[in-house]
Amino acid sequence: MTSRKAPAATLVLALAAALTSVSASATASPADVTEAPLVEPVLIGHRGASGYRPEHTLAAYELAIEQGADYIEPDLVSTRDGVLVARHENEISGTTDVADHPEFADRRTTKVIDGRAVTGWFTEDFTYRELRTLRAKERLPQVRPDNTAYDGQERIPTLDQVIRLARRAGVGVYPETKHPTYFDSIGLSLEEPLVAALRKRKWDDADDPVIIQSFEVTNLRELDTMVDVPLAQLVDASGGPFDRPGTTYASMLTPAGLAEVATYADGLGANKFVVLPRGATEPTAVVADAHDAGLVVHVWTMRLENQFMDSRFKVGADPDAPGDLAAEARAFLDAGVDGIFSDHPDVVAGVLDAR
């Protein structure tokens, strides 16, 4: 276990301090804002410690906590009966053994999710009781063959189970609402049950260790009126939010775009390559501009394997071999980011401990 574990309440105070600091630094030069760390950066276990266990399982979350994560991240989708569960996508053939269950064979179908045709099995076609009969498996078996040893051992956890685990361990939760417009369209809104789950556990105030994130805008604006916990706008290196046709993530990363984000969100969850583009030796203005707008910046996703890294951090030619994740983490911390999502929390925790 790492030495950097902090009580959950301390993490929220740190986030609040970061928000205050970035607001106060709005008149500072970009170099001043970027080079001076605002608070100790936070570490988020991306889908748990998903470099070592099948993602979005209680085992993955527990290991992330052991390795020093300050927050654990459940991606949220809904069952047919409105239970929020932790899966990266509502299509679950790649992360569960559903294809091995003949009783569910007739539920394989094709749907259009956010404008894209997807074929498989979908959480919204199962009750939670049915979903509990499935078991999780490794999503990237060719990349992470060691993780397949844990296939079939874990059920799909509910949001409430993840919150209870986090509370016991003294860490925060960082849930992402997946495809909120789509789920609204089929009568399974994610926002209300998410807020209800937080209120049930009395984790819905600004001083509670919760950050809610989304790639869409409408649901974050809605959540801003429903709950007091911090919100984070996710942005990718290409494309744009599904619910805002004509709006690109690139436009949201301009100073004017970031100022607009700051009217409803407290932070930016950025694809790491918008901060340090591939092949670049210097960071973009994104971190400084976000800080000027009063937003903290958490980047995703730090992974150990070469294929997920810029060439300067790769080691050897094998795309599945370990690269220099510690060097990559140091580069992003030097760029001024306030938090890191990682599949391998132990490596990033070691870098943070050494700073």
Protein backbone atom coordinates (compact mmCIF):
# COMPACT_ATOMS: atom_id res chain seq x y z
CA MET A 1 0.00 0.00 0.00
CA THR A 2 1.28 3.48 -0.81
CA SER A 3 1.81 6.20 1.78
CA ARG A 4 -0.29 8.88 0.13
CA LYS A 5 -3.73 7.74 1.30
CA ALA A 6 -5.77 10.67 2.67
CA PRO A 7 -9.19 10.83 4.34
CA ALA A 8 -11.99 11.46 1.86
CA ALA A 9 -12.90 14.79 3.47
CA THR A 10 -9.33 16.00 2.90
CA LEU A 11 -9.65 15.30 -0.82
CA VAL A 12 -12.70 17.51 -1.10
CA LEU A 13 -11.00 20.31 0.82
CA ALA A 14 -8.10 20.02 -1.61
CA LEU A 15 -10.46 20.31 -4.57
CA ALA A 16 -12.13 23.32 -2.99
CA ALA A 17 -8.70 24.88 -2.43
CA ALA A 18 -7.84 24.26 -6.06
CA LEU A 19 -11.01 25.95 -7.24
CA THR A 20 -10.33 28.95 -4.99
CA SER A 21 -6.72 29.14 -6.14
CA VAL A 22 -7.52 29.05 -9.84
CA SER A 23 -10.14 31.75 -9.41
CA ALA A 24 -7.66 33.93 -7.54
CA SER A 25 -5.03 33.38 -10.22
CA ALA A 26 -7.17 34.60 -13.09
CA THR A 27 -4.97 37.67 -13.51
CA ALA A 28 -1.70 35.73 -13.37
CA SER A 29 0.29 34.93 -16.47
CA PRO A 30 -0.22 31.47 -18.03
CA ALA A 31 3.33 30.49 -17.06
CA ASP A 32 2.71 31.42 -13.42
CA VAL A 33 -0.52 29.41 -13.32
CA THR A 34 0.91 26.33 -14.98
CA GLU A 35 4.25 26.13 -13.19
CA ALA A 36 2.95 26.54 -9.63
CA PRO A 37 0.93 23.50 -8.46
CA LEU A 38 -2.36 24.56 -6.92
CA VAL A 39 -2.77 21.63 -4.53
CA GLU A 40 -1.45 18.11 -4.36
CA PRO A 41 -2.78 16.42 -7.54
CA VAL A 42 -5.39 13.71 -7.08
CA LEU A 43 -5.17 10.16 -8.39
CA ILE A 44 -8.24 8.47 -9.84
CA GLY A 45 -8.39 4.70 -10.29
CA HIS A 46 -9.67 4.51 -13.88
CA ARG A 47 -12.48 1.95 -13.76
CA GLY A 48 -10.59 0.73 -10.69
CA ALA A 49 -7.09 -0.68 -11.07
CA SER A 50 -8.11 -1.93 -14.50
CA GLY A 51 -4.55 -2.65 -15.54
CA TYR A 52 -4.56 -5.52 -13.05
CA ARG A 53 -8.16 -6.71 -12.74
CA PRO A 54 -11.20 -6.76 -15.06
CA GLU A 55 -12.54 -3.20 -15.12
CA HIS A 56 -15.52 -1.98 -13.11
CA THR A 57 -15.46 -4.80 -10.59
CA LEU A 58 -15.31 -4.48 -6.83
CA ALA A 59 -11.96 -6.28 -6.98
CA ALA A 60 -10.61 -3.63 -9.36
CA TYR A 61 -11.87 -0.81 -7.15
CA GLU A 62 -10.48 -2.42 -4.00
CA LEU A 63 -7.07 -2.84 -5.61
CA ALA A 64 -7.07 0.78 -6.80
CA ILE A 65 -7.71 1.87 -3.21
CA GLU A 66 -4.87 -0.36 -1.95
CA GLN A 67 -2.58 1.19 -4.56
CA GLY A 68 -3.25 4.74 -3.43
CA ALA A 69 -6.16 6.05 -5.50
CA ASP A 70 -7.92 9.08 -4.02
CA TYR A 71 -11.04 8.40 -6.10
CA ILE A 72 -12.50 5.35 -7.81
CA GLU A 73 -14.40 5.80 -11.06
CA PRO A 74 -17.63 3.94 -11.87
CA ASP A 75 -19.04 4.53 -15.35
CA LEU A 76 -22.82 4.39 -14.99
CA VAL A 77 -25.47 2.75 -17.17
CA SER A 78 -28.98 1.60 -16.32
CA THR A 79 -30.77 -1.71 -16.13
CA ARG A 80 -34.34 -2.11 -17.39
CA ASP A 81 -35.64 -1.59 -13.87
CA GLY A 82 -33.66 1.59 -13.30
CA VAL A 83 -30.71 0.29 -11.27
CA LEU A 84 -27.44 2.11 -12.00
CA VAL A 85 -24.56 -0.31 -12.54
CA ALA A 86 -20.88 0.13 -13.31
CA ARG A 87 -20.02 -0.70 -16.92
CA HIS A 88 -17.99 1.28 -19.42
CA GLU A 89 -20.73 0.80 -22.00
CA ASN A 90 -24.32 -0.36 -21.94
CA GLU A 91 -23.30 -2.99 -24.51
CA ILE A 92 -21.74 -5.71 -22.36
CA SER A 93 -20.56 -8.54 -24.60
CA GLY A 94 -16.92 -7.44 -24.24
CA THR A 95 -16.94 -7.15 -20.45
CA THR A 96 -19.20 -10.00 -19.30
CA ASP A 97 -19.92 -13.65 -20.11
CA VAL A 98 -23.41 -12.82 -21.43
CA ALA A 99 -22.70 -14.59 -24.74
CA ASP A 100 -22.26 -17.85 -22.80
CA HIS A 101 -25.79 -17.68 -21.38
CA PRO A 102 -28.20 -19.42 -23.77
CA GLU A 103 -31.19 -18.07 -21.84
CA PHE A 104 -30.24 -14.57 -23.06
CA ALA A 105 -29.35 -15.44 -26.66
CA ASP A 106 -32.51 -13.84 -28.03
CA ARG A 107 -31.61 -10.49 -26.47
CA ARG A 108 -28.71 -9.92 -28.81
CA THR A 109 -29.71 -7.00 -30.99
CA THR A 110 -28.52 -3.90 -32.83
CA LYS A 111 -29.20 -0.41 -31.54
CA VAL A 112 -28.16 3.08 -32.48
CA ILE A 113 -26.26 4.63 -29.57
CA ASP A 114 -25.22 8.25 -30.00
CA GLY A 115 -25.60 7.96 -33.76
CA ARG A 116 -23.62 4.73 -34.10
CA ALA A 117 -24.98 1.24 -34.77
CA VAL A 118 -23.91 -1.19 -32.04
CA THR A 119 -24.65 -4.93 -31.92
CA GLY A 120 -24.66 -7.00 -28.78
CA TRP A 121 -26.39 -7.25 -25.41
CA PHE A 122 -27.44 -4.10 -23.57
CA THR A 123 -27.91 -3.47 -19.85
CA GLU A 124 -31.24 -1.75 -20.42
CA ASP A 125 -32.68 -5.04 -21.71
CA PHE A 126 -31.96 -6.82 -18.41
CA THR A 127 -33.39 -6.44 -14.95
CA TYR A 128 -30.78 -6.07 -12.25
CA ARG A 129 -31.69 -9.53 -10.96
CA GLU A 130 -30.91 -10.98 -14.40
CA LEU A 131 -27.71 -8.98 -14.70
CA ARG A 132 -26.50 -10.43 -11.41
CA THR A 133 -26.31 -13.86 -13.03
CA LEU A 134 -23.55 -12.61 -15.34
CA ARG A 135 -19.85 -12.47 -14.50
CA ALA A 136 -17.24 -9.93 -15.53
CA LYS A 137 -14.32 -10.64 -17.83
CA GLU A 138 -11.25 -8.78 -19.08
CA ARG A 139 -12.09 -6.33 -21.88
CA LEU A 140 -8.57 -6.36 -23.40
CA PRO A 141 -7.42 -10.00 -23.15
CA GLN A 142 -4.82 -9.66 -25.91
CA VAL A 143 -3.26 -6.65 -24.19
CA ARG A 144 -3.67 -7.81 -20.59
CA PRO A 145 -3.68 -11.63 -20.65
CA ASP A 146 -2.81 -11.88 -16.95
CA ASN A 147 -6.15 -10.27 -16.10
CA THR A 148 -8.05 -13.14 -17.69
CA ALA A 149 -7.15 -15.27 -14.66
CA TYR A 150 -9.89 -13.30 -12.88
CA ASP A 151 -12.57 -13.85 -15.53
CA GLY A 152 -15.81 -15.18 -14.13
CA GLN A 153 -15.08 -14.24 -10.51
CA GLU A 154 -16.92 -10.93 -10.13
CA ARG A 155 -20.48 -9.69 -10.55
CA ILE A 156 -21.40 -6.33 -12.05
CA PRO A 157 -21.49 -3.88 -9.13
CA THR A 158 -24.19 -1.31 -8.53
CA LEU A 159 -23.47 2.35 -7.89
CA ASP A 160 -24.62 1.90 -4.32
CA GLN A 161 -22.12 -0.91 -3.77
CA VAL A 162 -19.31 1.27 -5.13
CA ILE A 163 -20.31 4.17 -2.87
CA ARG A 164 -20.41 1.90 0.16
CA LEU A 165 -16.94 0.55 -0.66
CA ALA A 166 -15.54 4.06 -1.08
CA ARG A 167 -17.06 5.26 2.19
CA ARG A 168 -15.60 2.31 4.11
CA ALA A 169 -12.18 2.92 2.59
CA GLY A 170 -12.18 6.70 3.05
CA VAL A 171 -11.82 7.56 -0.65
CA GLY A 172 -14.01 9.44 -3.10
CA VAL A 173 -16.16 8.38 -6.05
CA TYR A 174 -15.93 9.94 -9.51
CA PRO A 175 -18.94 8.60 -11.46
CA GLU A 176 -19.46 9.19 -15.18
CA THR A 177 -22.91 9.21 -16.73
CA LYS A 178 -22.69 7.24 -19.99
CA HIS A 179 -24.89 8.16 -22.96
CA PRO A 180 -27.30 10.29 -20.90
CA THR A 181 -29.27 11.56 -23.91
CA TYR A 182 -29.79 8.00 -25.13
CA PHE A 183 -30.94 6.80 -21.72
CA ASP A 184 -33.31 9.78 -21.47
CA SER A 185 -34.77 8.78 -24.83
CA ILE A 186 -35.75 5.32 -23.55
CA GLY A 187 -37.19 6.56 -20.26
CA LEU A 188 -34.23 5.57 -18.06
CA SER A 189 -32.77 8.91 -17.04
CA LEU A 190 -29.47 8.56 -15.21
CA GLU A 191 -29.45 11.82 -13.29
CA GLU A 192 -32.31 11.23 -10.85
CA PRO A 193 -31.20 7.78 -9.63
CA LEU A 194 -27.60 9.03 -9.38
CA VAL A 195 -28.61 11.92 -7.16
CA ALA A 196 -30.92 9.64 -5.16
CA ALA A 197 -28.06 7.19 -4.55
CA LEU A 198 -25.80 9.98 -3.32
CA ARG A 199 -28.51 11.36 -1.05
CA LYS A 200 -29.25 7.91 0.34
CA ARG A 201 -25.65 7.70 1.55
CA LYS A 202 -25.60 11.41 2.51
CA TRP A 203 -22.94 12.19 -0.10
CA ASP A 204 -24.55 15.06 -1.99
CA ASP A 205 -22.98 18.22 -0.56
CA ALA A 206 -20.10 20.31 -1.84
CA ASP A 207 -17.84 19.03 0.96
CA ASP A 208 -18.46 15.36 0.13
CA PRO A 209 -15.84 13.39 -1.87
CA VAL A 210 -17.82 13.09 -5.09
CA ILE A 211 -17.15 14.46 -8.59
CA ILE A 212 -19.65 13.74 -11.39
CA GLN A 213 -18.40 13.77 -14.99
CA SER A 214 -19.91 13.52 -18.46
CA PHE A 215 -18.96 14.01 -22.11
CA GLU A 216 -22.33 15.66 -22.64
CA VAL A 217 -23.37 19.15 -21.55
CA THR A 218 -27.14 19.08 -21.00
CA ASN A 219 -27.04 16.57 -18.17
CA LEU A 220 -24.23 18.42 -16.39
CA ARG A 221 -26.28 21.60 -16.55
CA GLU A 222 -29.22 19.65 -15.15
CA LEU A 223 -27.09 18.14 -12.40
CA ASP A 224 -25.83 21.62 -11.52
CA THR A 225 -29.38 22.43 -10.42
CA MET A 226 -29.89 19.15 -8.57
CA VAL A 227 -26.80 18.53 -6.47
CA ASP A 228 -23.96 20.52 -4.89
CA VAL A 229 -21.04 18.18 -5.59
CA PRO A 230 -18.39 19.28 -8.12
CA LEU A 231 -18.98 18.54 -11.79
CA ALA A 232 -16.41 17.84 -14.51
CA GLN A 233 -16.86 18.36 -18.24
CA LEU A 234 -15.14 15.59 -20.18
CA VAL A 235 -13.47 16.56 -23.46
CA ASP A 236 -11.86 14.35 -26.06
CA ALA A 237 -9.12 15.10 -28.57
CA SER A 238 -11.65 15.03 -31.43
CA GLY A 239 -15.39 15.17 -31.99
CA GLY A 240 -17.84 16.93 -29.73
CA PRO A 241 -20.65 16.33 -27.22
CA PHE A 242 -23.46 14.24 -28.71
CA ASP A 243 -26.12 16.51 -27.28
CA ARG A 244 -24.60 19.63 -28.88
CA PRO A 245 -24.47 19.09 -32.67
CA GLY A 246 -22.10 21.57 -34.24
CA THR A 247 -20.11 22.07 -31.02
CA THR A 248 -16.64 20.56 -30.99
CA TYR A 249 -14.49 19.73 -28.01
CA ALA A 250 -11.81 21.88 -29.63
CA SER A 251 -14.11 24.90 -29.43
CA MET A 252 -14.84 24.10 -25.78
CA LEU A 253 -11.09 24.26 -25.07
CA THR A 254 -10.71 27.86 -26.23
CA PRO A 255 -10.67 30.54 -23.53
CA ALA A 256 -14.26 31.49 -24.44
CA GLY A 257 -15.33 27.84 -24.44
CA LEU A 258 -13.71 27.18 -21.06
CA ALA A 259 -15.39 30.26 -19.61
CA GLU A 260 -18.72 28.80 -20.73
CA VAL A 261 -17.89 25.41 -19.19
CA ALA A 262 -17.14 27.19 -15.92
CA THR A 263 -20.74 28.45 -15.74
CA TYR A 264 -21.92 24.92 -14.86
CA ALA A 265 -18.83 22.78 -14.11
CA ASP A 266 -15.93 22.95 -11.68
CA GLY A 267 -13.37 20.95 -13.60
CA LEU A 268 -12.23 19.64 -16.94
CA GLY A 269 -11.66 15.93 -17.59
CA ALA A 270 -9.37 16.12 -20.60
CA ASN A 271 -7.94 13.57 -22.99
CA LYS A 272 -4.25 13.73 -22.10
CA PHE A 273 -3.29 14.51 -25.69
CA VAL A 274 -5.05 17.89 -25.61
CA VAL A 275 -2.58 18.86 -22.87
CA LEU A 276 0.55 17.22 -24.30
CA PRO A 277 -0.12 16.35 -27.95
CA ARG A 278 1.65 13.40 -29.53
CA GLY A 279 5.13 14.42 -30.61
CA ALA A 280 5.05 17.68 -28.65
CA THR A 281 7.68 18.63 -26.10
CA GLU A 282 5.74 21.53 -24.58
CA PRO A 283 2.16 21.58 -23.25
CA THR A 284 -0.65 23.43 -24.95
CA ALA A 285 -2.37 26.38 -23.29
CA VAL A 286 -5.26 24.20 -22.12
CA VAL A 287 -4.19 23.85 -18.47
CA ALA A 288 -3.35 27.53 -18.07
CA ASP A 289 -6.54 28.62 -19.84
CA ALA A 290 -8.66 26.26 -17.76
CA HIS A 291 -7.06 27.54 -14.57
CA ASP A 292 -7.74 31.09 -15.69
CA ALA A 293 -11.40 30.11 -16.11
CA GLY A 294 -11.51 28.66 -12.59
CA LEU A 295 -11.43 25.00 -13.64
CA VAL A 296 -9.22 22.23 -12.35
CA VAL A 297 -7.83 19.82 -14.96
CA HIS A 298 -7.80 16.04 -14.60
CA VAL A 299 -6.35 14.08 -17.54
CA TRP A 300 -7.16 10.59 -18.82
CA THR A 301 -5.93 7.95 -19.26
CA MET A 302 -2.48 6.92 -18.05
CA ARG A 303 -1.86 3.28 -18.98
CA LEU A 304 1.28 1.19 -18.73
CA GLU A 305 1.32 -0.33 -22.22
CA ASN A 306 3.30 1.26 -25.06
CA GLN A 307 0.34 1.50 -27.41
CA PHE A 308 -1.39 4.04 -25.18
CA MET A 309 1.61 6.39 -24.95
CA ASP A 310 3.36 9.02 -27.00
CA SER A 311 6.53 7.70 -28.67
CA ARG A 312 8.86 9.42 -26.21
CA PHE A 313 7.54 7.26 -23.36
CA LYS A 314 7.53 3.95 -25.23
CA VAL A 315 10.07 1.25 -24.39
CA GLY A 316 10.80 -1.12 -27.27
CA ALA A 317 8.59 -1.95 -30.24
CA ASP A 318 6.02 -4.29 -28.66
CA PRO A 319 2.76 -2.32 -28.36
CA ASP A 320 1.66 -4.45 -25.40
CA ALA A 321 4.93 -4.17 -23.49
CA PRO A 322 5.31 -1.75 -20.58
CA GLY A 323 6.41 1.76 -21.40
CA ASP A 324 7.71 4.41 -19.04
CA LEU A 325 4.47 5.34 -17.30
CA ALA A 326 6.33 7.08 -14.47
CA ALA A 327 8.01 9.44 -16.94
CA GLU A 328 4.69 10.13 -18.64
CA ALA A 329 3.03 10.93 -15.32
CA ARG A 330 5.88 13.28 -14.38
CA ALA A 331 5.54 15.11 -17.70
CA PHE A 332 1.84 15.76 -17.15
CA LEU A 333 2.37 16.83 -13.56
CA ASP A 334 5.05 19.23 -14.78
CA ALA A 335 2.45 20.55 -17.24
CA GLY A 336 0.35 21.60 -14.26
CA VAL A 337 -2.52 19.09 -14.26
CA ASP A 338 -4.51 18.74 -11.04
CA GLY A 339 -5.33 15.05 -11.31
CA ILE A 340 -4.59 11.86 -13.25
CA PHE A 341 -6.82 8.96 -14.23
CA SER A 342 -4.81 5.75 -14.41
CA ASP A 343 -5.36 2.06 -15.05
CA HIS A 344 -2.21 1.47 -12.98
CA PRO A 345 -2.62 3.63 -9.86
CA ASP A 346 0.43 2.18 -8.11
CA VAL A 347 2.84 3.58 -10.70
CA VAL A 348 1.35 7.06 -10.61
CA ALA A 349 1.10 6.95 -6.80
CA GLY A 350 4.83 6.28 -6.68
CA VAL A 351 5.49 9.38 -8.79
CA LEU A 352 3.24 11.49 -6.59
CA ASP A 353 4.94 10.17 -3.44
CA ALA A 354 8.33 11.18 -4.81
CA ARG A 355 7.36 14.80 -5.57
